[in-house]
Amino acid sequence: MRSVKAGNSSGTHFNVK
């Protein structure tokens, strides 16, 4: 899994496989 920072909601971190 890699931690990805989305440019939505003040840069919330999402864990994506």
N, C-alpha and C. Protein backbone atom coordinates (compact mmCIF):
# COMPACT_ATOMS: atom_id res chain seq x y z
N MET A 1 0.84 -1.21 0.00
CA MET A 1 0.00 0.00 0.00
C MET A 1 0.87 1.25 0.00
N ARG A 2 0.41 2.28 -0.66
CA ARG A 2 1.15 3.54 -0.63
C ARG A 2 0.26 4.67 -0.18
N SER A 3 0.84 5.57 0.56
CA SER A 3 0.08 6.70 1.09
C SER A 3 -0.01 7.79 0.03
N VAL A 4 -1.22 8.14 -0.34
CA VAL A 4 -1.40 9.15 -1.40
C VAL A 4 -2.14 10.35 -0.83
N LYS A 5 -1.64 11.53 -1.17
CA LYS A 5 -2.26 12.75 -0.67
C LYS A 5 -3.17 13.32 -1.75
N ALA A 6 -4.43 13.44 -1.44
CA ALA A 6 -5.39 13.97 -2.42
C ALA A 6 -5.53 15.48 -2.26
N GLY A 7 -5.76 16.17 -3.34
CA GLY A 7 -5.87 17.63 -3.29
C GLY A 7 -7.29 18.08 -2.95
N ASN A 8 -8.00 17.26 -2.20
CA ASN A 8 -9.41 17.50 -1.82
C ASN A 8 -9.46 17.63 -0.30
N SER A 9 -10.35 18.20 0.29
CA SER A 9 -10.48 18.28 1.76
C SER A 9 -9.16 18.62 2.46
N SER A 10 -8.52 19.67 2.06
CA SER A 10 -7.25 20.09 2.68
C SER A 10 -6.17 19.01 2.64
N GLY A 11 -6.10 18.27 1.58
CA GLY A 11 -5.06 17.23 1.45
C GLY A 11 -5.21 16.10 2.44
N THR A 12 -6.29 15.36 2.34
CA THR A 12 -6.51 14.22 3.25
C THR A 12 -5.69 13.04 2.72
N HIS A 13 -5.15 12.25 3.64
CA HIS A 13 -4.34 11.10 3.22
C HIS A 13 -5.23 9.88 3.04
N PHE A 14 -5.03 9.21 1.92
CA PHE A 14 -5.79 7.98 1.64
C PHE A 14 -4.82 6.84 1.42
N ASN A 15 -5.15 5.67 1.93
CA ASN A 15 -4.30 4.50 1.74
C ASN A 15 -4.81 3.73 0.53
N VAL A 16 -3.98 3.62 -0.50
CA VAL A 16 -4.38 2.94 -1.73
C VAL A 16 -3.47 1.74 -1.95
N LYS A 17 -4.06 0.64 -2.34
CA LYS A 17 -3.28 -0.57 -2.59
C LYS A 17 -2.73 -0.51 -4.00
